[in-house]
Amino acid sequence: MSLIDAISDASPAYVSTKDDANGEVIIPALKASNNLKIMMGYFSSASFSTIAPGLASFLKNTNAPLKMVVSPHFTKEDYDLLSQDPQK
């Protein structure tokens, strides 16, 4: 499925507190993507749990790197998690 097909029924705007942007746009887009760049103002590894189904599909279907630009303020746990060697 193409990225356009994956999000063709998406609304043009979402209010994060009441709309399901993850289920209607982000997860379907991740499942159809072959490249991923994420930009977050405030990062928490817990945020990955909300997009886990799409992220798992992306990681399974591509060897492309996951590129992230995030806030420089991490918890120690998040820093340790992001610093791990994925080959270990």
PDB file of N, CA and C in Angstrom:
ATOM      1  N   MET A   1       0.843  -1.173   0.000  1.00  0.00           N
ATOM      2  CA  MET A   1       0.000   0.000   0.000  1.00  0.00           C
ATOM      3  C   MET A   1       0.886   1.233   0.000  1.00  0.00           C
ATOM      4  N   SER A   2       0.521   2.215  -0.789  1.00  0.00           N
ATOM      5  CA  SER A   2       1.297   3.455  -0.828  1.00  0.00           C
ATOM      6  C   SER A   2       0.955   4.330   0.368  1.00  0.00           C
ATOM      7  N   LEU A   3       1.830   5.269   0.656  1.00  0.00           N
ATOM      8  CA  LEU A   3       1.602   6.203   1.756  1.00  0.00           C
ATOM      9  C   LEU A   3       0.330   7.018   1.508  1.00  0.00           C
ATOM     10  N   ILE A   4       0.113   7.461   0.284  1.00  0.00           N
ATOM     11  CA  ILE A   4      -1.097   8.229  -0.054  1.00  0.00           C
ATOM     12  C   ILE A   4      -2.342   7.395   0.220  1.00  0.00           C
ATOM     13  N   ASP A   5      -2.330   6.131  -0.182  1.00  0.00           N
ATOM     14  CA  ASP A   5      -3.478   5.257   0.070  1.00  0.00           C
ATOM     15  C   ASP A   5      -3.687   5.039   1.568  1.00  0.00           C
ATOM     16  N   ALA A   6      -2.598   4.926   2.309  1.00  0.00           N
ATOM     17  CA  ALA A   6      -2.686   4.645   3.741  1.00  0.00           C
ATOM     18  C   ALA A   6      -3.377   5.750   4.518  1.00  0.00           C
ATOM     19  N   ILE A   7      -3.230   6.985   4.061  1.00  0.00           N
ATOM     20  CA  ILE A   7      -3.819   8.110   4.815  1.00  0.00           C
ATOM     21  C   ILE A   7      -4.880   8.858   4.017  1.00  0.00           C
ATOM     22  N   SER A   8      -5.412   8.241   2.979  1.00  0.00           N
ATOM     23  CA  SER A   8      -6.369   8.930   2.107  1.00  0.00           C
ATOM     24  C   SER A   8      -7.654   9.343   2.820  1.00  0.00           C
ATOM     25  N   ASP A   9      -8.060   8.632   3.856  1.00  0.00           N
ATOM     26  CA  ASP A   9      -9.287   8.981   4.588  1.00  0.00           C
ATOM     27  C   ASP A   9      -9.028   9.881   5.789  1.00  0.00           C
ATOM     28  N   ALA A  10      -7.812  10.354   5.953  1.00  0.00           N
ATOM     29  CA  ALA A  10      -7.456  11.179   7.115  1.00  0.00           C
ATOM     30  C   ALA A  10      -8.119  12.553   7.038  1.00  0.00           C
ATOM     31  N   SER A  11      -8.399  13.089   8.197  1.00  0.00           N
ATOM     32  CA  SER A  11      -8.948  14.434   8.314  1.00  0.00           C
ATOM     33  C   SER A  11      -7.833  15.448   8.011  1.00  0.00           C
ATOM     34  N   PRO A  12      -8.169  16.639   7.535  1.00  0.00           N
ATOM     35  CA  PRO A  12      -7.120  17.637   7.277  1.00  0.00           C
ATOM     36  C   PRO A  12      -6.547  18.261   8.545  1.00  0.00           C
ATOM     37  N   ALA A  13      -7.225  18.098   9.689  1.00  0.00           N
ATOM     38  CA  ALA A  13      -6.732  18.661  10.951  1.00  0.00           C
ATOM     39  C   ALA A  13      -7.176  17.779  12.114  1.00  0.00           C
ATOM     40  N   TYR A  14      -6.335  17.726  13.140  1.00  0.00           N
ATOM     41  CA  TYR A  14      -6.628  16.927  14.330  1.00  0.00           C
ATOM     42  C   TYR A  14      -6.390  17.753  15.582  1.00  0.00           C
ATOM     43  N   VAL A  15      -7.247  17.564  16.587  1.00  0.00           N
ATOM     44  CA  VAL A  15      -7.051  18.147  17.910  1.00  0.00           C
ATOM     45  C   VAL A  15      -6.551  17.002  18.772  1.00  0.00           C
ATOM     46  N   SER A  16      -5.320  17.104  19.238  1.00  0.00           N
ATOM     47  CA  SER A  16      -4.663  15.956  19.875  1.00  0.00           C
ATOM     48  C   SER A  16      -5.394  15.396  21.081  1.00  0.00           C
ATOM     49  N   THR A  17      -6.132  16.205  21.788  1.00  0.00           N
ATOM     50  CA  THR A  17      -6.783  15.700  22.994  1.00  0.00           C
ATOM     51  C   THR A  17      -8.067  14.927  22.721  1.00  0.00           C
ATOM     52  N   LYS A  18      -8.672  15.096  21.533  1.00  0.00           N
ATOM     53  CA  LYS A  18      -9.925  14.391  21.289  1.00  0.00           C
ATOM     54  C   LYS A  18      -9.970  13.590  19.995  1.00  0.00           C
ATOM     55  N   ASP A  19      -9.048  13.775  19.097  1.00  0.00           N
ATOM     56  CA  ASP A  19      -9.038  13.056  17.826  1.00  0.00           C
ATOM     57  C   ASP A  19      -8.000  11.937  17.845  1.00  0.00           C
ATOM     58  N   ASP A  20      -8.224  10.940  16.996  1.00  0.00           N
ATOM     59  CA  ASP A  20      -7.324   9.782  16.939  1.00  0.00           C
ATOM     60  C   ASP A  20      -6.320   9.923  15.796  1.00  0.00           C
ATOM     61  N   ALA A  21      -5.445  10.910  15.900  1.00  0.00           N
ATOM     62  CA  ALA A  21      -4.427  11.111  14.861  1.00  0.00           C
ATOM     63  C   ALA A  21      -3.494   9.912  14.762  1.00  0.00           C
ATOM     64  N   ASN A  22      -3.188   9.282  15.891  1.00  0.00           N
ATOM     65  CA  ASN A  22      -2.306   8.102  15.850  1.00  0.00           C
ATOM     66  C   ASN A  22      -2.935   6.980  15.039  1.00  0.00           C
ATOM     67  N   GLY A  23      -4.181   6.661  15.329  1.00  0.00           N
ATOM     68  CA  GLY A  23      -4.846   5.553  14.647  1.00  0.00           C
ATOM     69  C   GLY A  23      -5.218   5.835  13.207  1.00  0.00           C
ATOM     70  N   GLU A  24      -5.521   7.086  12.905  1.00  0.00           N
ATOM     71  CA  GLU A  24      -5.976   7.437  11.561  1.00  0.00           C
ATOM     72  C   GLU A  24      -4.866   7.893  10.615  1.00  0.00           C
ATOM     73  N   VAL A  25      -3.755   8.407  11.164  1.00  0.00           N
ATOM     74  CA  VAL A  25      -2.693   8.939  10.300  1.00  0.00           C
ATOM     75  C   VAL A  25      -1.329   8.326  10.607  1.00  0.00           C
ATOM     76  N   ILE A  26      -0.867   8.479  11.835  1.00  0.00           N
ATOM     77  CA  ILE A  26       0.519   8.125  12.147  1.00  0.00           C
ATOM     78  C   ILE A  26       0.788   6.634  11.986  1.00  0.00           C
ATOM     79  N   ILE A  27      -0.026   5.781  12.583  1.00  0.00           N
ATOM     80  CA  ILE A  27       0.212   4.339  12.479  1.00  0.00           C
ATOM     81  C   ILE A  27       0.071   3.846  11.038  1.00  0.00           C
ATOM     82  N   PRO A  28      -1.004   4.210  10.312  1.00  0.00           N
ATOM     83  CA  PRO A  28      -1.067   3.785   8.903  1.00  0.00           C
ATOM     84  C   PRO A  28       0.100   4.321   8.063  1.00  0.00           C
ATOM     85  N   ALA A  29       0.513   5.563   8.325  1.00  0.00           N
ATOM     86  CA  ALA A  29       1.633   6.137   7.568  1.00  0.00           C
ATOM     87  C   ALA A  29       2.924   5.383   7.863  1.00  0.00           C
ATOM     88  N   LEU A  30       3.161   5.035   9.125  1.00  0.00           N
ATOM     89  CA  LEU A  30       4.372   4.283   9.470  1.00  0.00           C
ATOM     90  C   LEU A  30       4.377   2.915   8.799  1.00  0.00           C
ATOM     91  N   LYS A  31       3.215   2.269   8.760  1.00  0.00           N
ATOM     92  CA  LYS A  31       3.124   0.943   8.142  1.00  0.00           C
ATOM     93  C   LYS A  31       3.446   0.996   6.650  1.00  0.00           C
ATOM     94  N   ALA A  32       3.185   2.134   6.009  1.00  0.00           N
ATOM     95  CA  ALA A  32       3.403   2.265   4.565  1.00  0.00           C
ATOM     96  C   ALA A  32       4.707   2.966   4.210  1.00  0.00           C
ATOM     97  N   SER A  33       5.478   3.386   5.206  1.00  0.00           N
ATOM     98  CA  SER A  33       6.688   4.185   4.956  1.00  0.00           C
ATOM     99  C   SER A  33       7.934   3.330   4.781  1.00  0.00           C
ATOM    100  N   ASN A  34       8.890   3.877   4.048  1.00  0.00           N
ATOM    101  CA  ASN A  34      10.201   3.241   3.930  1.00  0.00           C
ATOM    102  C   ASN A  34      11.307   4.190   4.382  1.00  0.00           C
ATOM    103  N   ASN A  35      10.913   5.294   5.027  1.00  0.00           N
ATOM    104  CA  ASN A  35      11.845   6.286   5.537  1.00  0.00           C
ATOM    105  C   ASN A  35      11.158   6.968   6.704  1.00  0.00           C
ATOM    106  N   LEU A  36      11.888   7.219   7.790  1.00  0.00           N
ATOM    107  CA  LEU A  36      11.252   7.820   8.955  1.00  0.00           C
ATOM    108  C   LEU A  36      12.168   8.830   9.619  1.00  0.00           C
ATOM    109  N   LYS A  37      11.684  10.044   9.726  1.00  0.00           N
ATOM    110  CA  LYS A  37      12.381  11.117  10.431  1.00  0.00           C
ATOM    111  C   LYS A  37      11.381  11.711  11.410  1.00  0.00           C
ATOM    112  N   ILE A  38      11.734  11.737  12.689  1.00  0.00           N
ATOM    113  CA  ILE A  38      10.843  12.226  13.733  1.00  0.00           C
ATOM    114  C   ILE A  38      11.438  13.473  14.364  1.00  0.00           C
ATOM    115  N   MET A  39      10.592  14.475  14.587  1.00  0.00           N
ATOM    116  CA  MET A  39      11.010  15.695  15.265  1.00  0.00           C
ATOM    117  C   MET A  39      10.048  15.920  16.427  1.00  0.00           C
ATOM    118  N   MET A  40      10.562  15.921  17.660  1.00  0.00           N
ATOM    119  CA  MET A  40       9.731  16.089  18.847  1.00  0.00           C
ATOM    120  C   MET A  40      10.283  17.199  19.718  1.00  0.00           C
ATOM    121  N   GLY A  41       9.386  18.025  20.235  1.00  0.00           N
ATOM    122  CA  GLY A  41       9.813  19.074  21.155  1.00  0.00           C
ATOM    123  C   GLY A  41      10.213  18.502  22.498  1.00  0.00           C
ATOM    124  N   TYR A  42       9.376  17.640  23.034  1.00  0.00           N
ATOM    125  CA  TYR A  42       9.669  16.989  24.310  1.00  0.00           C
ATOM    126  C   TYR A  42       9.584  15.499  24.080  1.00  0.00           C
ATOM    127  N   PHE A  43      10.646  14.806  24.381  1.00  0.00           N
ATOM    128  CA  PHE A  43      10.726  13.383  24.096  1.00  0.00           C
ATOM    129  C   PHE A  43      10.527  12.558  25.348  1.00  0.00           C
ATOM    130  N   SER A  44       9.801  11.485  25.196  1.00  0.00           N
ATOM    131  CA  SER A  44       9.688  10.459  26.228  1.00  0.00           C
ATOM    132  C   SER A  44       9.581   9.131  25.496  1.00  0.00           C
ATOM    133  N   SER A  45      10.323   8.152  25.928  1.00  0.00           N
ATOM    134  CA  SER A  45      10.246   6.851  25.271  1.00  0.00           C
ATOM    135  C   SER A  45       8.843   6.272  25.366  1.00  0.00           C
ATOM    136  N   ALA A  46       8.070   6.715  26.350  1.00  0.00           N
ATOM    137  CA  ALA A  46       6.686   6.255  26.478  1.00  0.00           C
ATOM    138  C   ALA A  46       5.850   6.653  25.264  1.00  0.00           C
ATOM    139  N   SER A  47       6.251   7.700  24.557  1.00  0.00           N
ATOM    140  CA  SER A  47       5.493   8.122  23.377  1.00  0.00           C
ATOM    141  C   SER A  47       5.509   7.052  22.292  1.00  0.00           C
ATOM    142  N   PHE A  48       6.524   6.206  22.280  1.00  0.00           N
ATOM    143  CA  PHE A  48       6.574   5.129  21.288  1.00  0.00           C
ATOM    144  C   PHE A  48       5.471   4.101  21.498  1.00  0.00           C
ATOM    145  N   SER A  49       4.977   3.964  22.714  1.00  0.00           N
ATOM    146  CA  SER A  49       3.935   2.963  22.961  1.00  0.00           C
ATOM    147  C   SER A  49       2.659   3.292  22.193  1.00  0.00           C
ATOM    148  N   THR A  50       2.382   4.559  21.955  1.00  0.00           N
ATOM    149  CA  THR A  50       1.163   4.928  21.242  1.00  0.00           C
ATOM    150  C   THR A  50       1.253   4.667  19.744  1.00  0.00           C
ATOM    151  N   ILE A  51       2.459   4.597  19.211  1.00  0.00           N
ATOM    152  CA  ILE A  51       2.633   4.345  17.775  1.00  0.00           C
ATOM    153  C   ILE A  51       3.284   2.993  17.509  1.00  0.00           C
ATOM    154  N   ALA A  52       3.339   2.148  18.535  1.00  0.00           N
ATOM    155  CA  ALA A  52       4.051   0.869  18.445  1.00  0.00           C
ATOM    156  C   ALA A  52       3.633  -0.004  17.256  1.00  0.00           C
ATOM    157  N   PRO A  53       2.337  -0.165  16.951  1.00  0.00           N
ATOM    158  CA  PRO A  53       1.989  -1.023  15.810  1.00  0.00           C
ATOM    159  C   PRO A  53       2.590  -0.539  14.491  1.00  0.00           C
ATOM    160  N   GLY A  54       2.520   0.758  14.234  1.00  0.00           N
ATOM    161  CA  GLY A  54       3.092   1.298  13.001  1.00  0.00           C
ATOM    162  C   GLY A  54       4.607   1.274  13.012  1.00  0.00           C
ATOM    163  N   LEU A  55       5.204   1.584  14.148  1.00  0.00           N
ATOM    164  CA  LEU A  55       6.659   1.578  14.266  1.00  0.00           C
ATOM    165  C   LEU A  55       7.208   0.170  14.074  1.00  0.00           C
ATOM    166  N   ALA A  56       6.531  -0.821  14.636  1.00  0.00           N
ATOM    167  CA  ALA A  56       6.969  -2.216  14.471  1.00  0.00           C
ATOM    168  C   ALA A  56       6.933  -2.620  13.003  1.00  0.00           C
ATOM    169  N   SER A  57       5.888  -2.223  12.290  1.00  0.00           N
ATOM    170  CA  SER A  57       5.804  -2.533  10.854  1.00  0.00           C
ATOM    171  C   SER A  57       6.912  -1.850  10.079  1.00  0.00           C
ATOM    172  N   PHE A  58       7.164  -0.577  10.386  1.00  0.00           N
ATOM    173  CA  PHE A  58       8.242   0.148   9.708  1.00  0.00           C
ATOM    174  C   PHE A  58       9.578  -0.551   9.928  1.00  0.00           C
ATOM    175  N   LEU A  59       9.893  -0.876  11.178  1.00  0.00           N
ATOM    176  CA  LEU A  59      11.179  -1.501  11.494  1.00  0.00           C
ATOM    177  C   LEU A  59      11.312  -2.887  10.873  1.00  0.00           C
ATOM    178  N   LYS A  60      10.206  -3.599  10.764  1.00  0.00           N
ATOM    179  CA  LYS A  60      10.231  -4.937  10.164  1.00  0.00           C
ATOM    180  C   LYS A  60      10.425  -4.868   8.649  1.00  0.00           C
ATOM    181  N   ASN A  61       9.849  -3.847   8.020  1.00  0.00           N
ATOM    182  CA  ASN A  61       9.808  -3.786   6.561  1.00  0.00           C
ATOM    183  C   ASN A  61      10.929  -3.002   5.902  1.00  0.00           C
ATOM    184  N   THR A  62      11.814  -2.406   6.669  1.00  0.00           N
ATOM    185  CA  THR A  62      12.877  -1.609   6.055  1.00  0.00           C
ATOM    186  C   THR A  62      14.169  -1.719   6.858  1.00  0.00           C
ATOM    187  N   ASN A  63      15.264  -1.459   6.192  1.00  0.00           N
ATOM    188  CA  ASN A  63      16.562  -1.370   6.862  1.00  0.00           C
ATOM    189  C   ASN A  63      16.987   0.084   7.026  1.00  0.00           C
ATOM    190  N   ALA A  64      16.095   1.003   6.643  1.00  0.00           N
ATOM    191  CA  ALA A  64      16.405   2.428   6.736  1.00  0.00           C
ATOM    192  C   ALA A  64      16.559   2.830   8.201  1.00  0.00           C
ATOM    193  N   PRO A  65      17.441   3.758   8.476  1.00  0.00           N
ATOM    194  CA  PRO A  65      17.609   4.196   9.863  1.00  0.00           C
ATOM    195  C   PRO A  65      16.427   5.026  10.328  1.00  0.00           C
ATOM    196  N   LEU A  66      16.167   4.987  11.605  1.00  0.00           N
ATOM    197  CA  LEU A  66      15.175   5.845  12.244  1.00  0.00           C
ATOM    198  C   LEU A  66      15.925   7.088  12.687  1.00  0.00           C
ATOM    199  N   LYS A  67      15.581   8.241  12.121  1.00  0.00           N
ATOM    200  CA  LYS A  67      16.277   9.487  12.446  1.00  0.00           C
ATOM    201  C   LYS A  67      15.378  10.352  13.317  1.00  0.00           C
ATOM    202  N   MET A  68      15.944  10.844  14.430  1.00  0.00           N
ATOM    203  CA  MET A  68      15.151  11.646  15.352  1.00  0.00           C
ATOM    204  C   MET A  68      15.872  12.922  15.733  1.00  0.00           C
ATOM    205  N   VAL A  69      15.118  14.004  15.796  1.00  0.00           N
ATOM    206  CA  VAL A  69      15.584  15.263  16.371  1.00  0.00           C
ATOM    207  C   VAL A  69      14.662  15.486  17.555  1.00  0.00           C
ATOM    208  N   VAL A  70      15.235  15.504  18.755  1.00  0.00           N
ATOM    209  CA  VAL A  70      14.413  15.598  19.964  1.00  0.00           C
ATOM    210  C   VAL A  70      14.997  16.625  20.926  1.00  0.00           C
ATOM    211  N   SER A  71      14.207  16.960  21.926  1.00  0.00           N
ATOM    212  CA  SER A  71      14.640  17.874  22.974  1.00  0.00           C
ATOM    213  C   SER A  71      15.914  17.345  23.635  1.00  0.00           C
ATOM    214  N   PRO A  72      16.820  18.213  24.037  1.00  0.00           N
ATOM    215  CA  PRO A  72      18.040  17.742  24.691  1.00  0.00           C
ATOM    216  C   PRO A  72      17.816  17.344  26.149  1.00  0.00           C
ATOM    217  N   HIS A  73      16.602  17.412  26.625  1.00  0.00           N
ATOM    218  CA  HIS A  73      16.310  17.090  28.020  1.00  0.00           C
ATOM    219  C   HIS A  73      15.699  15.698  28.116  1.00  0.00           C
ATOM    220  N   PHE A  74      16.526  14.737  28.520  1.00  0.00           N
ATOM    221  CA  PHE A  74      16.100  13.348  28.633  1.00  0.00           C
ATOM    222  C   PHE A  74      16.114  12.921  30.087  1.00  0.00           C
ATOM    223  N   THR A  75      15.278  11.929  30.389  1.00  0.00           N
ATOM    224  CA  THR A  75      15.457  11.254  31.673  1.00  0.00           C
ATOM    225  C   THR A  75      16.679  10.355  31.507  1.00  0.00           C
ATOM    226  N   LYS A  76      17.264   9.942  32.579  1.00  0.00           N
ATOM    227  CA  LYS A  76      18.410   9.030  32.501  1.00  0.00           C
ATOM    228  C   LYS A  76      18.012   7.744  31.789  1.00  0.00           C
ATOM    229  N   GLU A  77      16.813   7.250  32.071  1.00  0.00           N
ATOM    230  CA  GLU A  77      16.342   6.004  31.457  1.00  0.00           C
ATOM    231  C   GLU A  77      16.214   6.153  29.934  1.00  0.00           C
ATOM    232  N   ASP A  78      15.654   7.279  29.482  1.00  0.00           N
ATOM    233  CA  ASP A  78      15.537   7.498  28.044  1.00  0.00           C
ATOM    234  C   ASP A  78      16.907   7.639  27.392  1.00  0.00           C
ATOM    235  N   TYR A  79      17.820   8.363  28.028  1.00  0.00           N
ATOM    236  CA  TYR A  79      19.165   8.512  27.491  1.00  0.00           C
ATOM    237  C   TYR A  79      19.845   7.147  27.362  1.00  0.00           C
ATOM    238  N   ASP A  80      19.758   6.341  28.410  1.00  0.00           N
ATOM    239  CA  ASP A  80      20.368   5.008  28.377  1.00  0.00           C
ATOM    240  C   ASP A  80      19.761   4.147  27.275  1.00  0.00           C
ATOM    241  N   LEU A  81      18.447   4.218  27.136  1.00  0.00           N
ATOM    242  CA  LEU A  81      17.760   3.443  26.109  1.00  0.00           C
ATOM    243  C   LEU A  81      18.193   3.859  24.706  1.00  0.00           C
ATOM    244  N   LEU A  82      18.254   5.156  24.455  1.00  0.00           N
ATOM    245  CA  LEU A  82      18.641   5.647  23.134  1.00  0.00           C
ATOM    246  C   LEU A  82      20.120   5.454  22.832  1.00  0.00           C
ATOM    247  N   SER A  83      20.932   5.305  23.858  1.00  0.00           N
ATOM    248  CA  SER A  83      22.381   5.147  23.690  1.00  0.00           C
ATOM    249  C   SER A  83      22.801   3.703  23.471  1.00  0.00           C
ATOM    250  N   GLN A  84      21.866   2.760  23.601  1.00  0.00           N
ATOM    251  CA  GLN A  84      22.210   1.350  23.476  1.00  0.00           C
ATOM    252  C   GLN A  84      22.616   1.019  22.048  1.00  0.00           C
ATOM    253  N   ASP A  85      23.546   0.088  21.927  1.00  0.00           N
ATOM    254  CA  ASP A  85      23.949  -0.422  20.631  1.00  0.00           C
ATOM    255  C   ASP A  85      22.870  -1.395  20.155  1.00  0.00           C
ATOM    256  N   PRO A  86      22.224  -1.106  19.013  1.00  0.00           N
ATOM    257  CA  PRO A  86      21.128  -1.978  18.557  1.00  0.00           C
ATOM    258  C   PRO A  86      21.598  -3.376  18.153  1.00  0.00           C
ATOM    259  N   GLN A  87      22.887  -3.564  17.968  1.00  0.00           N
ATOM    260  CA  GLN A  87      23.412  -4.861  17.576  1.00  0.00           C
ATOM    261  C   GLN A  87      23.626  -5.799  18.744  1.00  0.00           C
ATOM    262  N   LYS A  88      23.480  -5.285  19.985  1.00  0.00           N
ATOM    263  CA  LYS A  88      23.709  -6.115  21.169  1.00  0.00           C
ATOM    264  C   LYS A  88      22.428  -6.727  21.660  1.00  0.00           C
TER     265      LYS A  88
END
